[in-house]
Amino acid sequence: LLGLLVLNVFLGPIAIALASVALWRGTARR
């Protein structure tokens, strides 16, 4: 959400990586 406004070149890939790892680890908040 924050990346849509500022620093999307950094925050976008970080959001993608965190979401991928969370899904891979089996989060309850899919």
PDB file of all heavy atoms in Angstrom:
ATOM      1  N   LEU A   1       0.828  -1.214   0.000  1.00  0.00           N
ATOM      2  CA  LEU A   1       0.000   0.000   0.000  1.00  0.00           C
ATOM      3  C   LEU A   1       0.858   1.257   0.000  1.00  0.00           C
ATOM      4  O   LEU A   1       0.603   2.204  -0.756  1.00  0.00           O
ATOM      5  CB  LEU A   1      -0.909   0.021   1.232  1.00  0.00           C
ATOM      6  CG  LEU A   1      -2.203  -0.749   1.154  1.00  0.00           C
ATOM      7  CD1 LEU A   1      -2.917  -0.700   2.490  1.00  0.00           C
ATOM      8  CD2 LEU A   1      -3.089  -0.221   0.062  1.00  0.00           C
ATOM      9  N   LEU A   2       1.853   1.269   0.847  1.00  0.00           N
ATOM     10  CA  LEU A   2       2.735   2.430   0.933  1.00  0.00           C
ATOM     11  C   LEU A   2       3.520   2.625  -0.362  1.00  0.00           C
ATOM     12  O   LEU A   2       3.770   3.754  -0.789  1.00  0.00           O
ATOM     13  CB  LEU A   2       3.689   2.262   2.119  1.00  0.00           C
ATOM     14  CG  LEU A   2       4.552   3.440   2.499  1.00  0.00           C
ATOM     15  CD1 LEU A   2       3.680   4.633   2.877  1.00  0.00           C
ATOM     16  CD2 LEU A   2       5.458   3.070   3.646  1.00  0.00           C
ATOM     17  N   GLY A   3       3.872   1.517  -0.991  1.00  0.00           N
ATOM     18  CA  GLY A   3       4.632   1.588  -2.232  1.00  0.00           C
ATOM     19  C   GLY A   3       3.870   2.209  -3.391  1.00  0.00           C
ATOM     20  O   GLY A   3       4.473   2.668  -4.358  1.00  0.00           O
ATOM     21  N   LEU A   4       2.543   2.212  -3.319  1.00  0.00           N
ATOM     22  CA  LEU A   4       1.771   2.872  -4.380  1.00  0.00           C
ATOM     23  C   LEU A   4       1.982   4.379  -4.362  1.00  0.00           C
ATOM     24  O   LEU A   4       1.785   5.049  -5.374  1.00  0.00           O
ATOM     25  CB  LEU A   4       0.281   2.555  -4.238  1.00  0.00           C
ATOM     26  CG  LEU A   4      -0.121   1.128  -4.591  1.00  0.00           C
ATOM     27  CD1 LEU A   4      -1.580   0.902  -4.251  1.00  0.00           C
ATOM     28  CD2 LEU A   4       0.152   0.843  -6.056  1.00  0.00           C
ATOM     29  N   LEU A   5       2.383   4.905  -3.207  1.00  0.00           N
ATOM     30  CA  LEU A   5       2.553   6.351  -3.072  1.00  0.00           C
ATOM     31  C   LEU A   5       4.014   6.788  -3.178  1.00  0.00           C
ATOM     32  O   LEU A   5       4.313   7.782  -3.833  1.00  0.00           O
ATOM     33  CB  LEU A   5       1.975   6.818  -1.735  1.00  0.00           C
ATOM     34  CG  LEU A   5       0.492   6.523  -1.527  1.00  0.00           C
ATOM     35  CD1 LEU A   5       0.088   6.892  -0.116  1.00  0.00           C
ATOM     36  CD2 LEU A   5      -0.336   7.266  -2.553  1.00  0.00           C
ATOM     37  N   VAL A   6       4.897   6.082  -2.491  1.00  0.00           N
ATOM     38  CA  VAL A   6       6.306   6.494  -2.456  1.00  0.00           C
ATOM     39  C   VAL A   6       7.213   5.269  -2.563  1.00  0.00           C
ATOM     40  O   VAL A   6       6.848   4.182  -2.151  1.00  0.00           O
ATOM     41  CB  VAL A   6       6.653   7.255  -1.149  1.00  0.00           C
ATOM     42  CG1 VAL A   6       5.937   8.583  -1.073  1.00  0.00           C
ATOM     43  CG2 VAL A   6       6.357   6.422   0.063  1.00  0.00           C
ATOM     44  N   LEU A   7       8.377   5.470  -3.095  1.00  0.00           N
ATOM     45  CA  LEU A   7       9.443   4.461  -3.130  1.00  0.00           C
ATOM     46  C   LEU A   7       8.999   3.110  -3.673  1.00  0.00           C
ATOM     47  O   LEU A   7       9.393   2.058  -3.167  1.00  0.00           O
ATOM     48  CB  LEU A   7      10.050   4.282  -1.738  1.00  0.00           C
ATOM     49  CG  LEU A   7      10.739   5.489  -1.120  1.00  0.00           C
ATOM     50  CD1 LEU A   7      11.117   5.194   0.317  1.00  0.00           C
ATOM     51  CD2 LEU A   7      11.955   5.894  -1.921  1.00  0.00           C
ATOM     52  N   ASN A   8       8.178   3.139  -4.716  1.00  0.00           N
ATOM     53  CA  ASN A   8       7.675   1.874  -5.241  1.00  0.00           C
ATOM     54  C   ASN A   8       8.766   1.008  -5.859  1.00  0.00           C
ATOM     55  O   ASN A   8       8.615  -0.199  -5.936  1.00  0.00           O
ATOM     56  CB  ASN A   8       6.520   2.076  -6.208  1.00  0.00           C
ATOM     57  CG  ASN A   8       6.815   3.090  -7.271  1.00  0.00           C
ATOM     58  OD1 ASN A   8       7.909   3.622  -7.332  1.00  0.00           O
ATOM     59  ND2 ASN A   8       5.836   3.369  -8.096  1.00  0.00           N
ATOM     60  N   VAL A   9       9.881   1.595  -6.251  1.00  0.00           N
ATOM     61  CA  VAL A   9      10.975   0.808  -6.807  1.00  0.00           C
ATOM     62  C   VAL A   9      11.605  -0.085  -5.736  1.00  0.00           C
ATOM     63  O   VAL A   9      12.117  -1.160  -6.037  1.00  0.00           O
ATOM     64  CB  VAL A   9      12.033   1.713  -7.496  1.00  0.00           C
ATOM     65  CG1 VAL A   9      12.812   2.527  -6.487  1.00  0.00           C
ATOM     66  CG2 VAL A   9      12.963   0.899  -8.370  1.00  0.00           C
ATOM     67  N   PHE A  10      11.520   0.322  -4.466  1.00  0.00           N
ATOM     68  CA  PHE A  10      12.052  -0.481  -3.370  1.00  0.00           C
ATOM     69  C   PHE A  10      10.962  -1.288  -2.664  1.00  0.00           C
ATOM     70  O   PHE A  10      11.151  -2.469  -2.364  1.00  0.00           O
ATOM     71  CB  PHE A  10      12.748   0.414  -2.326  1.00  0.00           C
ATOM     72  CG  PHE A  10      13.922   1.154  -2.870  1.00  0.00           C
ATOM     73  CD1 PHE A  10      13.873   2.525  -3.034  1.00  0.00           C
ATOM     74  CD2 PHE A  10      15.080   0.486  -3.228  1.00  0.00           C
ATOM     75  CE1 PHE A  10      14.941   3.213  -3.544  1.00  0.00           C
ATOM     76  CE2 PHE A  10      16.165   1.168  -3.732  1.00  0.00           C
ATOM     77  CZ  PHE A  10      16.107   2.541  -3.896  1.00  0.00           C
ATOM     78  N   LEU A  11       9.854  -0.639  -2.374  1.00  0.00           N
ATOM     79  CA  LEU A  11       8.819  -1.283  -1.577  1.00  0.00           C
ATOM     80  C   LEU A  11       8.052  -2.358  -2.346  1.00  0.00           C
ATOM     81  O   LEU A  11       7.577  -3.323  -1.745  1.00  0.00           O
ATOM     82  CB  LEU A  11       7.855  -0.236  -1.023  1.00  0.00           C
ATOM     83  CG  LEU A  11       8.482   0.780  -0.063  1.00  0.00           C
ATOM     84  CD1 LEU A  11       7.432   1.762   0.423  1.00  0.00           C
ATOM     85  CD2 LEU A  11       9.147   0.084   1.092  1.00  0.00           C
ATOM     86  N   GLY A  12       7.929  -2.202  -3.652  1.00  0.00           N
ATOM     87  CA  GLY A  12       7.234  -3.208  -4.460  1.00  0.00           C
ATOM     88  C   GLY A  12       7.905  -4.572  -4.398  1.00  0.00           C
ATOM     89  O   GLY A  12       7.266  -5.577  -4.057  1.00  0.00           O
ATOM     90  N   PRO A  13       9.209  -4.651  -4.721  1.00  0.00           N
ATOM     91  CA  PRO A  13       9.879  -5.955  -4.629  1.00  0.00           C
ATOM     92  C   PRO A  13       9.924  -6.523  -3.206  1.00  0.00           C
ATOM     93  O   PRO A  13       9.833  -7.739  -3.028  1.00  0.00           O
ATOM     94  CB  PRO A  13      11.290  -5.664  -5.142  1.00  0.00           C
ATOM     95  CG  PRO A  13      11.137  -4.481  -6.017  1.00  0.00           C
ATOM     96  CD  PRO A  13      10.052  -3.666  -5.402  1.00  0.00           C
ATOM     97  N   ILE A  14      10.049  -5.651  -2.208  1.00  0.00           N
ATOM     98  CA  ILE A  14      10.055  -6.144  -0.829  1.00  0.00           C
ATOM     99  C   ILE A  14       8.697  -6.737  -0.483  1.00  0.00           C
ATOM    100  O   ILE A  14       8.612  -7.804   0.149  1.00  0.00           O
ATOM    101  CB  ILE A  14      10.437  -5.015   0.151  1.00  0.00           C
ATOM    102  CG1 ILE A  14      11.894  -4.611  -0.052  1.00  0.00           C
ATOM    103  CG2 ILE A  14      10.204  -5.445   1.590  1.00  0.00           C
ATOM    104  CD1 ILE A  14      12.298  -3.383   0.726  1.00  0.00           C
ATOM    105  N   ALA A  15       7.618  -6.090  -0.897  1.00  0.00           N
ATOM    106  CA  ALA A  15       6.269  -6.610  -0.645  1.00  0.00           C
ATOM    107  C   ALA A  15       6.070  -7.950  -1.354  1.00  0.00           C
ATOM    108  O   ALA A  15       5.483  -8.877  -0.778  1.00  0.00           O
ATOM    109  CB  ALA A  15       5.219  -5.596  -1.103  1.00  0.00           C
ATOM    110  N   ILE A  16       6.575  -8.075  -2.562  1.00  0.00           N
ATOM    111  CA  ILE A  16       6.459  -9.335  -3.305  1.00  0.00           C
ATOM    112  C   ILE A  16       7.223 -10.444  -2.595  1.00  0.00           C
ATOM    113  O   ILE A  16       6.726 -11.563  -2.433  1.00  0.00           O
ATOM    114  CB  ILE A  16       6.951  -9.149  -4.760  1.00  0.00           C
ATOM    115  CG1 ILE A  16       6.000  -8.228  -5.511  1.00  0.00           C
ATOM    116  CG2 ILE A  16       7.090 -10.491  -5.465  1.00  0.00           C
ATOM    117  CD1 ILE A  16       6.524  -7.777  -6.866  1.00  0.00           C
ATOM    118  N   ALA A  17       8.437 -10.135  -2.152  1.00  0.00           N
ATOM    119  CA  ALA A  17       9.260 -11.145  -1.480  1.00  0.00           C
ATOM    120  C   ALA A  17       8.638 -11.580  -0.150  1.00  0.00           C
ATOM    121  O   ALA A  17       8.571 -12.778   0.148  1.00  0.00           O
ATOM    122  CB  ALA A  17      10.667 -10.598  -1.257  1.00  0.00           C
ATOM    123  N   LEU A  18       8.166 -10.626   0.646  1.00  0.00           N
ATOM    124  CA  LEU A  18       7.553 -10.969   1.930  1.00  0.00           C
ATOM    125  C   LEU A  18       6.284 -11.799   1.741  1.00  0.00           C
ATOM    126  O   LEU A  18       6.043 -12.755   2.486  1.00  0.00           O
ATOM    127  CB  LEU A  18       7.243  -9.707   2.726  1.00  0.00           C
ATOM    128  CG  LEU A  18       8.422  -9.007   3.389  1.00  0.00           C
ATOM    129  CD1 LEU A  18       7.973  -7.692   4.018  1.00  0.00           C
ATOM    130  CD2 LEU A  18       9.060  -9.894   4.429  1.00  0.00           C
ATOM    131  N   ALA A  19       5.472 -11.425   0.765  1.00  0.00           N
ATOM    132  CA  ALA A  19       4.241 -12.181   0.519  1.00  0.00           C
ATOM    133  C   ALA A  19       4.563 -13.600   0.052  1.00  0.00           C
ATOM    134  O   ALA A  19       3.921 -14.564   0.478  1.00  0.00           O
ATOM    135  CB  ALA A  19       3.389 -11.458  -0.515  1.00  0.00           C
ATOM    136  N   SER A  20       5.562 -13.728  -0.800  1.00  0.00           N
ATOM    137  CA  SER A  20       5.940 -15.061  -1.287  1.00  0.00           C
ATOM    138  C   SER A  20       6.438 -15.946  -0.158  1.00  0.00           C
ATOM    139  O   SER A  20       6.060 -17.120  -0.060  1.00  0.00           O
ATOM    140  CB  SER A  20       7.019 -14.939  -2.361  1.00  0.00           C
ATOM    141  OG  SER A  20       6.548 -14.174  -3.442  1.00  0.00           O
ATOM    142  N   VAL A  21       7.275 -15.402   0.709  1.00  0.00           N
ATOM    143  CA  VAL A  21       7.792 -16.185   1.835  1.00  0.00           C
ATOM    144  C   VAL A  21       6.667 -16.530   2.809  1.00  0.00           C
ATOM    145  O   VAL A  21       6.611 -17.653   3.328  1.00  0.00           O
ATOM    146  CB  VAL A  21       8.939 -15.420   2.547  1.00  0.00           C
ATOM    147  CG1 VAL A  21       9.337 -16.103   3.836  1.00  0.00           C
ATOM    148  CG2 VAL A  21      10.133 -15.289   1.621  1.00  0.00           C
ATOM    149  N   ALA A  22       5.759 -15.602   3.052  1.00  0.00           N
ATOM    150  CA  ALA A  22       4.635 -15.870   3.950  1.00  0.00           C
ATOM    151  C   ALA A  22       3.759 -16.994   3.397  1.00  0.00           C
ATOM    152  O   ALA A  22       3.328 -17.877   4.148  1.00  0.00           O
ATOM    153  CB  ALA A  22       3.816 -14.605   4.167  1.00  0.00           C
ATOM    154  N   LEU A  23       3.491 -16.973   2.107  1.00  0.00           N
ATOM    155  CA  LEU A  23       2.694 -18.043   1.504  1.00  0.00           C
ATOM    156  C   LEU A  23       3.443 -19.367   1.526  1.00  0.00           C
ATOM    157  O   LEU A  23       2.850 -20.426   1.755  1.00  0.00           O
ATOM    158  CB  LEU A  23       2.312 -17.664   0.071  1.00  0.00           C
ATOM    159  CG  LEU A  23       1.277 -16.546  -0.046  1.00  0.00           C
ATOM    160  CD1 LEU A  23       1.164 -16.082  -1.486  1.00  0.00           C
ATOM    161  CD2 LEU A  23      -0.064 -17.013   0.479  1.00  0.00           C
ATOM    162  N   TRP A  24       4.733 -19.324   1.318  1.00  0.00           N
ATOM    163  CA  TRP A  24       5.539 -20.535   1.311  1.00  0.00           C
ATOM    164  C   TRP A  24       5.585 -21.166   2.706  1.00  0.00           C
ATOM    165  O   TRP A  24       5.568 -22.379   2.843  1.00  0.00           O
ATOM    166  CB  TRP A  24       6.945 -20.206   0.813  1.00  0.00           C
ATOM    167  CG  TRP A  24       7.852 -21.384   0.755  1.00  0.00           C
ATOM    168  CD1 TRP A  24       7.769 -22.454  -0.086  1.00  0.00           C
ATOM    169  CD2 TRP A  24       8.980 -21.617   1.591  1.00  0.00           C
ATOM    170  NE1 TRP A  24       8.781 -23.337   0.169  1.00  0.00           N
ATOM    171  CE2 TRP A  24       9.551 -22.843   1.200  1.00  0.00           C
ATOM    172  CE3 TRP A  24       9.575 -20.911   2.627  1.00  0.00           C
ATOM    173  CZ2 TRP A  24      10.661 -23.365   1.811  1.00  0.00           C
ATOM    174  CZ3 TRP A  24      10.693 -21.446   3.221  1.00  0.00           C
ATOM    175  CH2 TRP A  24      11.228 -22.657   2.812  1.00  0.00           C
ATOM    176  N   ARG A  25       5.602 -20.339   3.752  1.00  0.00           N
ATOM    177  CA  ARG A  25       5.638 -20.836   5.130  1.00  0.00           C
ATOM    178  C   ARG A  25       4.260 -21.229   5.653  1.00  0.00           C
ATOM    179  O   ARG A  25       4.142 -21.717   6.762  1.00  0.00           O
ATOM    180  CB  ARG A  25       6.232 -19.785   6.066  1.00  0.00           C
ATOM    181  CG  ARG A  25       7.698 -19.611   5.903  1.00  0.00           C
ATOM    182  CD  ARG A  25       8.232 -18.720   6.974  1.00  0.00           C
ATOM    183  NE  ARG A  25       9.672 -18.553   6.865  1.00  0.00           N
ATOM    184  CZ  ARG A  25      10.396 -17.893   7.738  1.00  0.00           C
ATOM    185  NH1 ARG A  25       9.831 -17.342   8.791  1.00  0.00           N
ATOM    186  NH2 ARG A  25      11.685 -17.783   7.575  1.00  0.00           N
ATOM    187  N   GLY A  26       3.225 -21.015   4.875  1.00  0.00           N
ATOM    188  CA  GLY A  26       1.891 -21.432   5.271  1.00  0.00           C
ATOM    189  C   GLY A  26       1.213 -20.497   6.249  1.00  0.00           C
ATOM    190  O   GLY A  26       0.754 -20.932   7.291  1.00  0.00           O
ATOM    191  N   THR A  27       1.140 -19.239   5.900  1.00  0.00           N
ATOM    192  CA  THR A  27       0.513 -18.261   6.782  1.00  0.00           C
ATOM    193  C   THR A  27      -0.982 -18.521   6.918  1.00  0.00           C
ATOM    194  O   THR A  27      -1.619 -19.058   6.005  1.00  0.00           O
ATOM    195  CB  THR A  27       0.752 -16.834   6.257  1.00  0.00           C
ATOM    196  OG1 THR A  27       0.155 -15.906   7.145  1.00  0.00           O
ATOM    197  CG2 THR A  27       0.162 -16.627   4.879  1.00  0.00           C
ATOM    198  N   ALA A  28      -1.513 -18.134   8.069  1.00  0.00           N
ATOM    199  CA  ALA A  28      -2.953 -18.224   8.276  1.00  0.00           C
ATOM    200  C   ALA A  28      -3.666 -17.059   7.603  1.00  0.00           C
ATOM    201  O   ALA A  28      -4.872 -17.094   7.392  1.00  0.00           O
ATOM    202  CB  ALA A  28      -3.267 -18.229   9.773  1.00  0.00           C
ATOM    203  N   ARG A  29      -2.922 -16.031   7.251  1.00  0.00           N
ATOM    204  CA  ARG A  29      -3.487 -14.829   6.606  1.00  0.00           C
ATOM    205  C   ARG A  29      -3.168 -14.851   5.105  1.00  0.00           C
ATOM    206  O   ARG A  29      -2.504 -13.966   4.579  1.00  0.00           O
ATOM    207  CB  ARG A  29      -2.923 -13.583   7.260  1.00  0.00           C
ATOM    208  CG  ARG A  29      -3.268 -13.511   8.713  1.00  0.00           C
ATOM    209  CD  ARG A  29      -2.713 -12.287   9.352  1.00  0.00           C
ATOM    210  NE  ARG A  29      -3.059 -12.277  10.764  1.00  0.00           N
ATOM    211  CZ  ARG A  29      -3.095 -11.214  11.506  1.00  0.00           C
ATOM    212  NH1 ARG A  29      -2.782 -10.048  10.996  1.00  0.00           N
ATOM    213  NH2 ARG A  29      -3.411 -11.286  12.764  1.00  0.00           N
ATOM    214  N   ARG A  30      -3.675 -15.866   4.448  1.00  0.00           N
ATOM    215  CA  ARG A  30      -3.376 -16.027   3.019  1.00  0.00           C
ATOM    216  C   ARG A  30      -3.935 -14.869   2.191  1.00  0.00           C
ATOM    217  O   ARG A  30      -3.305 -14.417   1.247  1.00  0.00           O
ATOM    218  CB  ARG A  30      -3.953 -17.348   2.517  1.00  0.00           C
ATOM    219  CG  ARG A  30      -3.241 -18.549   3.101  1.00  0.00           C
ATOM    220  CD  ARG A  30      -3.789 -19.852   2.560  1.00  0.00           C
ATOM    221  NE  ARG A  30      -3.744 -19.969   1.125  1.00  0.00           N
ATOM    222  CZ  ARG A  30      -2.673 -20.335   0.422  1.00  0.00           C
ATOM    223  NH1 ARG A  30      -1.572 -20.617   1.052  1.00  0.00           N
ATOM    224  NH2 ARG A  30      -2.720 -20.417  -0.886  1.00  0.00           N
TER     225      ARG A  30
END
